[in-house]
Amino acid sequence: MKTTELRQQNKSTLKTTLDELAKKQFKLKMQLGSGQLAANHQIRQVRRDIARVKTIMTEMDKGE
């Protein structure tokens, strides 16, 4: 997920994106715990996408 795509979204869309990413992260962690996850790098990607969304939401709140 690119930051340019995220910056074009409004606050409500970012909130739904953040919720979806949190659900995806939870599912990946459960798969990792049960030994079903083959691609461990997905957890890292989702965690970083969550950080990107939160950063952009904070920037919008500050008016930057």
C-alpha atoms as a PDB file:
ATOM      1  CA  MET A   1       0.000   0.000   0.000  1.00  0.00           C
ATOM      2  CA  LYS A   2       1.509   3.296  -1.065  1.00  0.00           C
ATOM      3  CA  THR A   3       1.296   6.526   0.866  1.00  0.00           C
ATOM      4  CA  THR A   4       0.184   8.452  -2.217  1.00  0.00           C
ATOM      5  CA  GLU A   5      -2.892   6.219  -2.453  1.00  0.00           C
ATOM      6  CA  LEU A   6      -3.628   6.679   1.227  1.00  0.00           C
ATOM      7  CA  ARG A   7      -3.278  10.462   1.121  1.00  0.00           C
ATOM      8  CA  GLN A   8      -6.011  10.650  -1.524  1.00  0.00           C
ATOM      9  CA  GLN A   9      -8.527   8.957   0.780  1.00  0.00           C
ATOM     10  CA  ASN A  10     -10.704  10.780   3.272  1.00  0.00           C
ATOM     11  CA  LYS A  11     -10.740  10.181   7.014  1.00  0.00           C
ATOM     12  CA  SER A  12     -13.644   7.714   7.058  1.00  0.00           C
ATOM     13  CA  THR A  13     -12.103   5.584   4.315  1.00  0.00           C
ATOM     14  CA  LEU A  14      -8.818   5.531   6.200  1.00  0.00           C
ATOM     15  CA  LYS A  15     -10.652   4.356   9.313  1.00  0.00           C
ATOM     16  CA  THR A  16     -12.225   1.441   7.443  1.00  0.00           C
ATOM     17  CA  THR A  17      -8.847   0.605   5.899  1.00  0.00           C
ATOM     18  CA  LEU A  18      -7.301   0.593   9.370  1.00  0.00           C
ATOM     19  CA  ASP A  19     -10.020  -1.738  10.664  1.00  0.00           C
ATOM     20  CA  GLU A  20      -9.498  -4.129   7.753  1.00  0.00           C
ATOM     21  CA  LEU A  21      -5.750  -4.164   8.309  1.00  0.00           C
ATOM     22  CA  ALA A  22      -6.201  -4.865  12.017  1.00  0.00           C
ATOM     23  CA  LYS A  23      -8.445  -7.836  11.199  1.00  0.00           C
ATOM     24  CA  LYS A  24      -5.931  -9.082   8.654  1.00  0.00           C
ATOM     25  CA  GLN A  25      -3.122  -8.779  11.211  1.00  0.00           C
ATOM     26  CA  PHE A  26      -5.134 -10.775  13.748  1.00  0.00           C
ATOM     27  CA  LYS A  27      -5.823 -13.544  11.237  1.00  0.00           C
ATOM     28  CA  LEU A  28      -2.168 -13.716  10.242  1.00  0.00           C
ATOM     29  CA  LYS A  29      -1.077 -13.976  13.880  1.00  0.00           C
ATOM     30  CA  MET A  30      -3.539 -16.816  14.458  1.00  0.00           C
ATOM     31  CA  GLN A  31      -2.241 -18.608  11.384  1.00  0.00           C
ATOM     32  CA  LEU A  32       1.317 -18.156  12.614  1.00  0.00           C
ATOM     33  CA  GLY A  33       0.438 -19.569  16.012  1.00  0.00           C
ATOM     34  CA  SER A  34      -1.241 -22.622  14.532  1.00  0.00           C
ATOM     35  CA  GLY A  35       1.582 -23.230  12.061  1.00  0.00           C
ATOM     36  CA  GLN A  36      -0.469 -22.573   8.931  1.00  0.00           C
ATOM     37  CA  LEU A  37       1.275 -19.396   7.816  1.00  0.00           C
ATOM     38  CA  ALA A  38       3.794 -20.036   5.041  1.00  0.00           C
ATOM     39  CA  ALA A  39       4.779 -16.429   4.286  1.00  0.00           C
ATOM     40  CA  ASN A  40       5.958 -14.813   7.517  1.00  0.00           C
ATOM     41  CA  HIS A  41       6.743 -11.531   5.772  1.00  0.00           C
ATOM     42  CA  GLN A  42       3.027 -10.740   5.491  1.00  0.00           C
ATOM     43  CA  ILE A  43       2.827  -9.885   9.191  1.00  0.00           C
ATOM     44  CA  ARG A  44       5.582  -7.320   8.787  1.00  0.00           C
ATOM     45  CA  GLN A  45       3.908  -5.781   5.733  1.00  0.00           C
ATOM     46  CA  VAL A  46       0.557  -5.430   7.467  1.00  0.00           C
ATOM     47  CA  ARG A  47       2.155  -3.931  10.570  1.00  0.00           C
ATOM     48  CA  ARG A  48       3.890  -1.309   8.450  1.00  0.00           C
ATOM     49  CA  ASP A  49       0.702  -0.570   6.487  1.00  0.00           C
ATOM     50  CA  ILE A  50      -1.096   0.041   9.788  1.00  0.00           C
ATOM     51  CA  ALA A  51       1.649   2.464  10.791  1.00  0.00           C
ATOM     52  CA  ARG A  52       1.324   4.294   7.465  1.00  0.00           C
ATOM     53  CA  VAL A  53      -2.417   4.710   7.859  1.00  0.00           C
ATOM     54  CA  LYS A  54      -2.080   5.930  11.442  1.00  0.00           C
ATOM     55  CA  THR A  55       0.609   8.421  10.428  1.00  0.00           C
ATOM     56  CA  ILE A  56      -1.531   9.876   7.656  1.00  0.00           C
ATOM     57  CA  MET A  57      -4.546  10.103   9.985  1.00  0.00           C
ATOM     58  CA  THR A  58      -2.422  11.997  12.502  1.00  0.00           C
ATOM     59  CA  GLU A  59      -1.197  14.361   9.793  1.00  0.00           C
ATOM     60  CA  MET A  60      -4.792  15.036   8.762  1.00  0.00           C
ATOM     61  CA  ASP A  61      -5.731  15.816  12.364  1.00  0.00           C
ATOM     62  CA  LYS A  62      -2.888  18.294  12.653  1.00  0.00           C
ATOM     63  CA  GLY A  63      -3.832  19.903   9.332  1.00  0.00           C
ATOM     64  CA  GLU A  64      -0.602  19.251   7.498  1.00  0.00           C
END
